[in-house]
């Protein structure tokens, strides 16, 4: 019989609502898994088992109300929680306790979800890694889980939670999902509210989620956004293979993953074609970096003035790079982004979805860096919905997969294609 901790989020919510199982029993099962696995993974910045059980008991006492009733959910430590510390991955905020929950956390509680704790983030969602190890790698040969949503991806990957929040400014949902072999869903920019989430770059920051299945990811975001994300068959759809302007950086493993995805779509009855992107898109990654850096310099003015000595060298470099972006460069970056957003709308009228590499390859060895974000930068800049789907393993036995990209505000298209691919891969 399947263990409770292996149920989908949708199944947990349904069983708790029907009183087949209590939210407390579910919480205790997941707490036990966290306690068993956490020493070897390091996914959690803050975890309080007693608080988790108390939340679940409150859900039961209230009659198991809400679409997420009893579902354990992890929250990235970039996202404010009023009942536990939020450190943003920095010693500057050690012990910091926000006065209110972030909007997405408040929505989870309102829907009956159980907040399991805070997962490790890189420093201010940039490049200095935390302590999290990729649970797909061996203890003897550790590999990065990716970043910045390191703990959330790792927690879902080893079954500590069925759902977790992440955020993405460059590649912080898609890349960790790729490295850890889970579903990562970055919605259309603006679909989920950013209130109460530490800002790095306001015109790029996007709340996203990790899940063990595409259906759970859609269920979660649909509940939070109040937008029905109906998933439909993809037979006769047009699927565009997008190598992106950075194809030369894709490893053999990444290239094979894209080929595998294309073959699956072909067998599903979709028409698979090459999607040729405009030559100017080669500048989108740099445009994303320029906008992110410029906005980060401004956003962190308070910390720069009083606590700059506690920045890591990596974060100090992010801010220094941003300070060097001139007004002319910033304007050019935004102009390119605006133009490219129009171009991708046109491209996604010729095909239903695009598929592209999620990362350069398998998770790199070691824990000193979080990998190259190059393959997600332009999608973050364009604000389109992206779903990472694992397609297998690479030459070193680590997960690989692809990103499915859909039109802005048509997230259900990207999710539908991702669901079809996921089902085909799983057989």
Foldseek 3Di string as FASTA:
>chain_A
DDDLLPDAQQVQLVCCLVVVDALLVSLVVLVVLCVVCCVLFVFAPDFDSVLLNVLRVVCVVVNQAASRASAEEEEALLWADQPAARQQQFPVRVPPHDNHGFLLVVLCVVRNYGYGHYTAFHRNFDKFFDDGWQPQDDSVWTFALFHGSRSQLRCCLSSSGQKYKDKDQQQHFLLSCQQNVWKKKFAFPPLADCGRGQDQFVLQITMIMTGRALVSRQSSSCSRNVPRLDADQQAQFEEEEEAFPPVVLADPQLVVQSVLLQVLCVVSRYHYYHQDADPVSVCLLVLSLQSSQLRNLVSCVVCVVPPVVRDDPRVVVSNVSNVPRDPVSNVVSVVSLVVRLVVVVVSCVVGFKYKYFSFSFHGDIDRRTRHDSRVRRNVSSSRWMKMWHWQAHDPVRTTTHIIITGRHPNNSSSSNSNNSSNVSSVD
